[in-house]
Amino acid sequence: MPWLMLFIAIVAEVIATSTLKSTEGFTRLWPSVVVVVAYETAFILLSLCLKKIPVGIVYAVWSGVGVALVTLVAWFFLDQPLDAPAIAGLVLIVGGVVVINAFSKTVTE
């Protein structure tokens, strides 16, 4: 269950971050509401999964997967192109998350 909460927290954070530009400095109501609610959801779920998963692991997965997903959303939906070094960096980030989860003895759940 903590891993599911972490996954949902990451998705909520990606939604919030991807919508942030649409708020136009929090001057547009509905995009601003989406950002605030999604970030609130993300942080509540993030804090709950910390009860079972070590903070270092949670943060590594949260930041790594979050960065990769936000970048992919920006690439596919916000017309922000990626070059070869950016793609290589994303592969390394995701690879680091996989290594932590597959091989680290600190992952308890």
N, C-alpha and C. Protein backbone atom coordinates (compact mmCIF):
# COMPACT_ATOMS: atom_id res chain seq x y z
N MET A 1 0.80 -1.21 0.00
CA MET A 1 0.00 0.00 0.00
C MET A 1 0.84 1.28 0.00
N PRO A 2 1.98 1.34 0.72
CA PRO A 2 2.77 2.57 0.69
C PRO A 2 3.31 2.87 -0.71
N TRP A 3 3.64 1.84 -1.47
CA TRP A 3 4.15 2.07 -2.83
C TRP A 3 3.05 2.60 -3.74
N LEU A 4 1.83 2.14 -3.55
CA LEU A 4 0.70 2.67 -4.31
C LEU A 4 0.47 4.14 -3.96
N MET A 5 0.55 4.46 -2.67
CA MET A 5 0.41 5.86 -2.25
C MET A 5 1.52 6.72 -2.86
N LEU A 6 2.73 6.19 -2.90
CA LEU A 6 3.84 6.94 -3.50
C LEU A 6 3.59 7.16 -4.99
N PHE A 7 3.12 6.14 -5.68
CA PHE A 7 2.82 6.28 -7.11
C PHE A 7 1.75 7.35 -7.34
N ILE A 8 0.69 7.32 -6.55
CA ILE A 8 -0.38 8.31 -6.70
C ILE A 8 0.14 9.71 -6.34
N ALA A 9 1.00 9.79 -5.33
CA ALA A 9 1.60 11.08 -4.96
C ALA A 9 2.43 11.63 -6.11
N ILE A 10 3.17 10.78 -6.77
CA ILE A 10 3.99 11.21 -7.91
C ILE A 10 3.10 11.70 -9.04
N VAL A 11 2.04 10.97 -9.33
CA VAL A 11 1.11 11.38 -10.40
C VAL A 11 0.48 12.73 -10.06
N ALA A 12 0.07 12.90 -8.80
CA ALA A 12 -0.52 14.18 -8.38
C ALA A 12 0.50 15.32 -8.53
N GLU A 13 1.74 15.06 -8.16
CA GLU A 13 2.78 16.09 -8.28
C GLU A 13 3.05 16.42 -9.75
N VAL A 14 3.03 15.43 -10.60
CA VAL A 14 3.24 15.65 -12.04
C VAL A 14 2.09 16.48 -12.61
N ILE A 15 0.87 16.19 -12.20
CA ILE A 15 -0.28 16.98 -12.64
C ILE A 15 -0.12 18.43 -12.18
N ALA A 16 0.22 18.61 -10.92
CA ALA A 16 0.37 19.97 -10.38
C ALA A 16 1.48 20.73 -11.10
N THR A 17 2.63 20.12 -11.24
CA THR A 17 3.76 20.80 -11.87
C THR A 17 3.47 21.10 -13.34
N SER A 18 2.83 20.17 -14.03
CA SER A 18 2.52 20.37 -15.45
C SER A 18 1.46 21.44 -15.66
N THR A 19 0.62 21.67 -14.67
CA THR A 19 -0.44 22.67 -14.76
C THR A 19 0.04 24.05 -14.29
N LEU A 20 1.15 24.10 -13.61
CA LEU A 20 1.62 25.33 -12.97
C LEU A 20 1.72 26.51 -13.94
N LYS A 21 2.24 26.28 -15.12
CA LYS A 21 2.37 27.38 -16.09
C LYS A 21 1.01 27.96 -16.48
N SER A 22 -0.01 27.10 -16.53
CA SER A 22 -1.36 27.54 -16.92
C SER A 22 -2.00 28.47 -15.89
N THR A 23 -1.46 28.51 -14.68
CA THR A 23 -2.04 29.40 -13.66
C THR A 23 -1.73 30.86 -13.96
N GLU A 24 -0.70 31.09 -14.81
CA GLU A 24 -0.25 32.44 -15.13
C GLU A 24 -0.02 33.26 -13.85
N GLY A 25 0.83 32.70 -12.99
CA GLY A 25 1.16 33.37 -11.73
C GLY A 25 0.02 33.34 -10.73
N PHE A 26 -0.76 32.29 -10.77
CA PHE A 26 -1.94 32.11 -9.90
C PHE A 26 -2.97 33.22 -10.11
N THR A 27 -3.08 33.69 -11.34
CA THR A 27 -4.11 34.68 -11.67
C THR A 27 -5.32 34.03 -12.36
N ARG A 28 -5.21 32.77 -12.73
CA ARG A 28 -6.33 32.04 -13.32
C ARG A 28 -6.85 31.03 -12.29
N LEU A 29 -8.14 31.11 -12.00
CA LEU A 29 -8.71 30.35 -10.89
C LEU A 29 -8.59 28.85 -11.04
N TRP A 30 -9.14 28.26 -12.10
CA TRP A 30 -9.25 26.80 -12.16
C TRP A 30 -7.90 26.09 -12.29
N PRO A 31 -7.01 26.59 -13.11
CA PRO A 31 -5.68 25.96 -13.08
C PRO A 31 -5.01 26.08 -11.71
N SER A 32 -5.23 27.20 -11.03
CA SER A 32 -4.67 27.39 -9.69
C SER A 32 -5.26 26.40 -8.70
N VAL A 33 -6.55 26.15 -8.81
CA VAL A 33 -7.21 25.17 -7.93
C VAL A 33 -6.63 23.78 -8.18
N VAL A 34 -6.46 23.42 -9.45
CA VAL A 34 -5.88 22.11 -9.78
C VAL A 34 -4.49 21.98 -9.17
N VAL A 35 -3.67 23.01 -9.30
CA VAL A 35 -2.30 22.96 -8.76
C VAL A 35 -2.31 22.79 -7.25
N VAL A 36 -3.10 23.59 -6.56
CA VAL A 36 -3.12 23.53 -5.09
C VAL A 36 -3.64 22.18 -4.61
N VAL A 37 -4.73 21.70 -5.18
CA VAL A 37 -5.31 20.41 -4.76
C VAL A 37 -4.35 19.26 -5.08
N ALA A 38 -3.74 19.29 -6.26
CA ALA A 38 -2.83 18.21 -6.63
C ALA A 38 -1.59 18.20 -5.75
N TYR A 39 -1.00 19.37 -5.47
CA TYR A 39 0.15 19.40 -4.56
C TYR A 39 -0.24 18.96 -3.15
N GLU A 40 -1.39 19.40 -2.69
CA GLU A 40 -1.85 18.98 -1.35
C GLU A 40 -2.00 17.46 -1.30
N THR A 41 -2.63 16.89 -2.30
CA THR A 41 -2.78 15.44 -2.38
C THR A 41 -1.43 14.76 -2.38
N ALA A 42 -0.51 15.28 -3.20
CA ALA A 42 0.81 14.68 -3.31
C ALA A 42 1.54 14.67 -1.97
N PHE A 43 1.53 15.78 -1.26
CA PHE A 43 2.27 15.85 -0.01
C PHE A 43 1.62 15.05 1.12
N ILE A 44 0.31 14.99 1.12
CA ILE A 44 -0.35 14.15 2.13
C ILE A 44 0.01 12.68 1.90
N LEU A 45 -0.09 12.22 0.65
CA LEU A 45 0.25 10.83 0.36
C LEU A 45 1.73 10.55 0.57
N LEU A 46 2.56 11.51 0.23
CA LEU A 46 3.99 11.36 0.45
C LEU A 46 4.30 11.18 1.93
N SER A 47 3.66 11.97 2.77
CA SER A 47 3.91 11.85 4.21
C SER A 47 3.41 10.52 4.76
N LEU A 48 2.32 10.00 4.20
CA LEU A 48 1.79 8.72 4.66
C LEU A 48 2.70 7.55 4.27
N CYS A 49 3.27 7.59 3.09
CA CYS A 49 4.13 6.46 2.71
C CYS A 49 5.45 6.47 3.47
N LEU A 50 5.81 7.61 4.07
CA LEU A 50 7.02 7.67 4.89
C LEU A 50 6.90 6.86 6.18
N LYS A 51 5.68 6.45 6.52
CA LYS A 51 5.51 5.60 7.70
C LYS A 51 6.10 4.20 7.49
N LYS A 52 6.21 3.77 6.23
CA LYS A 52 6.67 2.41 5.94
C LYS A 52 7.94 2.34 5.10
N ILE A 53 8.24 3.40 4.36
CA ILE A 53 9.40 3.38 3.46
C ILE A 53 10.38 4.45 3.94
N PRO A 54 11.69 4.14 3.98
CA PRO A 54 12.68 5.13 4.43
C PRO A 54 12.65 6.40 3.57
N VAL A 55 12.89 7.53 4.22
CA VAL A 55 12.78 8.82 3.55
C VAL A 55 13.73 8.94 2.36
N GLY A 56 14.92 8.40 2.46
CA GLY A 56 15.86 8.48 1.35
C GLY A 56 15.36 7.75 0.12
N ILE A 57 14.75 6.61 0.33
CA ILE A 57 14.20 5.83 -0.78
C ILE A 57 12.99 6.55 -1.37
N VAL A 58 12.11 7.02 -0.51
CA VAL A 58 10.92 7.75 -0.97
C VAL A 58 11.34 8.96 -1.79
N TYR A 59 12.30 9.71 -1.30
CA TYR A 59 12.69 10.92 -2.00
C TYR A 59 13.38 10.61 -3.32
N ALA A 60 14.19 9.55 -3.35
CA ALA A 60 14.86 9.18 -4.59
C ALA A 60 13.84 8.78 -5.66
N VAL A 61 12.87 7.98 -5.27
CA VAL A 61 11.84 7.55 -6.22
C VAL A 61 10.97 8.74 -6.61
N TRP A 62 10.53 9.51 -5.62
CA TRP A 62 9.69 10.70 -5.85
C TRP A 62 10.36 11.65 -6.85
N SER A 63 11.59 12.00 -6.57
CA SER A 63 12.24 12.99 -7.42
C SER A 63 12.62 12.42 -8.78
N GLY A 64 13.15 11.21 -8.81
CA GLY A 64 13.56 10.62 -10.08
C GLY A 64 12.40 10.37 -11.03
N VAL A 65 11.39 9.70 -10.54
CA VAL A 65 10.23 9.41 -11.39
C VAL A 65 9.48 10.69 -11.71
N GLY A 66 9.38 11.59 -10.74
CA GLY A 66 8.70 12.86 -10.97
C GLY A 66 9.38 13.68 -12.06
N VAL A 67 10.71 13.80 -12.00
CA VAL A 67 11.44 14.55 -13.02
C VAL A 67 11.24 13.93 -14.40
N ALA A 68 11.35 12.61 -14.47
CA ALA A 68 11.19 11.94 -15.75
C ALA A 68 9.77 12.14 -16.31
N LEU A 69 8.77 11.97 -15.47
CA LEU A 69 7.39 12.12 -15.95
C LEU A 69 7.05 13.55 -16.34
N VAL A 70 7.48 14.52 -15.54
CA VAL A 70 7.22 15.93 -15.88
C VAL A 70 7.89 16.26 -17.21
N THR A 71 9.11 15.78 -17.41
CA THR A 71 9.82 16.04 -18.66
C THR A 71 9.10 15.41 -19.84
N LEU A 72 8.61 14.19 -19.67
CA LEU A 72 7.87 13.54 -20.75
C LEU A 72 6.54 14.24 -21.04
N VAL A 73 5.84 14.67 -20.01
CA VAL A 73 4.59 15.43 -20.21
C VAL A 73 4.90 16.72 -20.96
N ALA A 74 5.96 17.41 -20.57
CA ALA A 74 6.33 18.66 -21.24
C ALA A 74 6.69 18.40 -22.70
N TRP A 75 7.35 17.29 -22.96
CA TRP A 75 7.75 16.95 -24.31
C TRP A 75 6.54 16.63 -25.19
N PHE A 76 5.65 15.77 -24.69
CA PHE A 76 4.54 15.30 -25.51
C PHE A 76 3.36 16.27 -25.55
N PHE A 77 3.09 16.99 -24.46
CA PHE A 77 1.87 17.79 -24.39
C PHE A 77 2.10 19.30 -24.37
N LEU A 78 3.30 19.73 -24.01
CA LEU A 78 3.56 21.17 -23.91
C LEU A 78 4.56 21.64 -24.96
N ASP A 79 4.85 20.80 -25.94
CA ASP A 79 5.74 21.13 -27.05
C ASP A 79 7.10 21.65 -26.60
N GLN A 80 7.68 21.01 -25.61
CA GLN A 80 9.01 21.36 -25.15
C GLN A 80 9.96 20.22 -25.54
N PRO A 81 10.71 20.44 -26.62
CA PRO A 81 11.51 19.35 -27.18
C PRO A 81 12.66 18.92 -26.26
N LEU A 82 13.08 17.67 -26.45
CA LEU A 82 14.23 17.12 -25.72
C LEU A 82 15.32 16.79 -26.73
N ASP A 83 16.57 17.08 -26.36
CA ASP A 83 17.68 16.68 -27.20
C ASP A 83 18.29 15.39 -26.64
N ALA A 84 19.29 14.87 -27.32
CA ALA A 84 19.90 13.60 -26.92
C ALA A 84 20.48 13.64 -25.50
N PRO A 85 21.18 14.70 -25.08
CA PRO A 85 21.68 14.70 -23.70
C PRO A 85 20.55 14.68 -22.66
N ALA A 86 19.44 15.36 -22.95
CA ALA A 86 18.31 15.34 -22.01
C ALA A 86 17.72 13.93 -21.90
N ILE A 87 17.59 13.27 -23.02
CA ILE A 87 17.06 11.90 -23.01
C ILE A 87 18.02 10.97 -22.28
N ALA A 88 19.32 11.12 -22.53
CA ALA A 88 20.32 10.30 -21.82
C ALA A 88 20.24 10.54 -20.31
N GLY A 89 20.08 11.78 -19.90
CA GLY A 89 19.96 12.09 -18.48
C GLY A 89 18.73 11.45 -17.86
N LEU A 90 17.62 11.48 -18.58
CA LEU A 90 16.40 10.84 -18.08
C LEU A 90 16.59 9.34 -17.93
N VAL A 91 17.26 8.73 -18.88
CA VAL A 91 17.53 7.28 -18.79
C VAL A 91 18.37 6.99 -17.55
N LEU A 92 19.36 7.83 -17.27
CA LEU A 92 20.19 7.63 -16.09
C LEU A 92 19.39 7.81 -14.80
N ILE A 93 18.50 8.80 -14.77
CA ILE A 93 17.67 9.02 -13.59
C ILE A 93 16.77 7.81 -13.33
N VAL A 94 16.08 7.37 -14.35
CA VAL A 94 15.19 6.21 -14.20
C VAL A 94 16.01 4.97 -13.85
N GLY A 95 17.18 4.83 -14.45
CA GLY A 95 18.04 3.70 -14.11
C GLY A 95 18.45 3.71 -12.65
N GLY A 96 18.72 4.89 -12.10
CA GLY A 96 19.06 4.99 -10.69
C GLY A 96 17.91 4.57 -9.79
N VAL A 97 16.71 4.94 -10.14
CA VAL A 97 15.54 4.53 -9.36
C VAL A 97 15.36 3.02 -9.43
N VAL A 98 15.57 2.44 -10.60
CA VAL A 98 15.46 0.98 -10.76
C VAL A 98 16.51 0.28 -9.91
N VAL A 99 17.74 0.77 -9.93
CA VAL A 99 18.81 0.16 -9.14
C VAL A 99 18.47 0.20 -7.66
N ILE A 100 17.99 1.35 -7.18
CA ILE A 100 17.63 1.46 -5.76
C ILE A 100 16.56 0.44 -5.40
N ASN A 101 15.52 0.36 -6.21
CA ASN A 101 14.42 -0.53 -5.88
C ASN A 101 14.75 -1.99 -6.08
N ALA A 102 15.59 -2.31 -7.03
CA ALA A 102 15.89 -3.71 -7.32
C ALA A 102 16.99 -4.27 -6.43
N PHE A 103 17.95 -3.43 -6.03
CA PHE A 103 19.12 -3.97 -5.37
C PHE A 103 19.40 -3.45 -3.96
N SER A 104 18.79 -2.36 -3.57
CA SER A 104 19.07 -1.80 -2.26
C SER A 104 18.41 -2.62 -1.15
N LYS A 105 19.14 -2.84 -0.09
CA LYS A 105 18.59 -3.54 1.07
C LYS A 105 17.83 -2.58 1.98
N THR A 106 17.86 -1.29 1.69
CA THR A 106 17.14 -0.33 2.52
C THR A 106 15.66 -0.23 2.15
N VAL A 107 15.28 -0.80 1.01
CA VAL A 107 13.86 -0.80 0.62
C VAL A 107 13.19 -1.91 1.42
N THR A 108 12.29 -1.51 2.31
CA THR A 108 11.71 -2.48 3.24
C THR A 108 10.36 -3.02 2.81
N GLU A 109 9.60 -2.28 2.06
CA GLU A 109 8.25 -2.73 1.67
C GLU A 109 8.27 -3.26 0.27
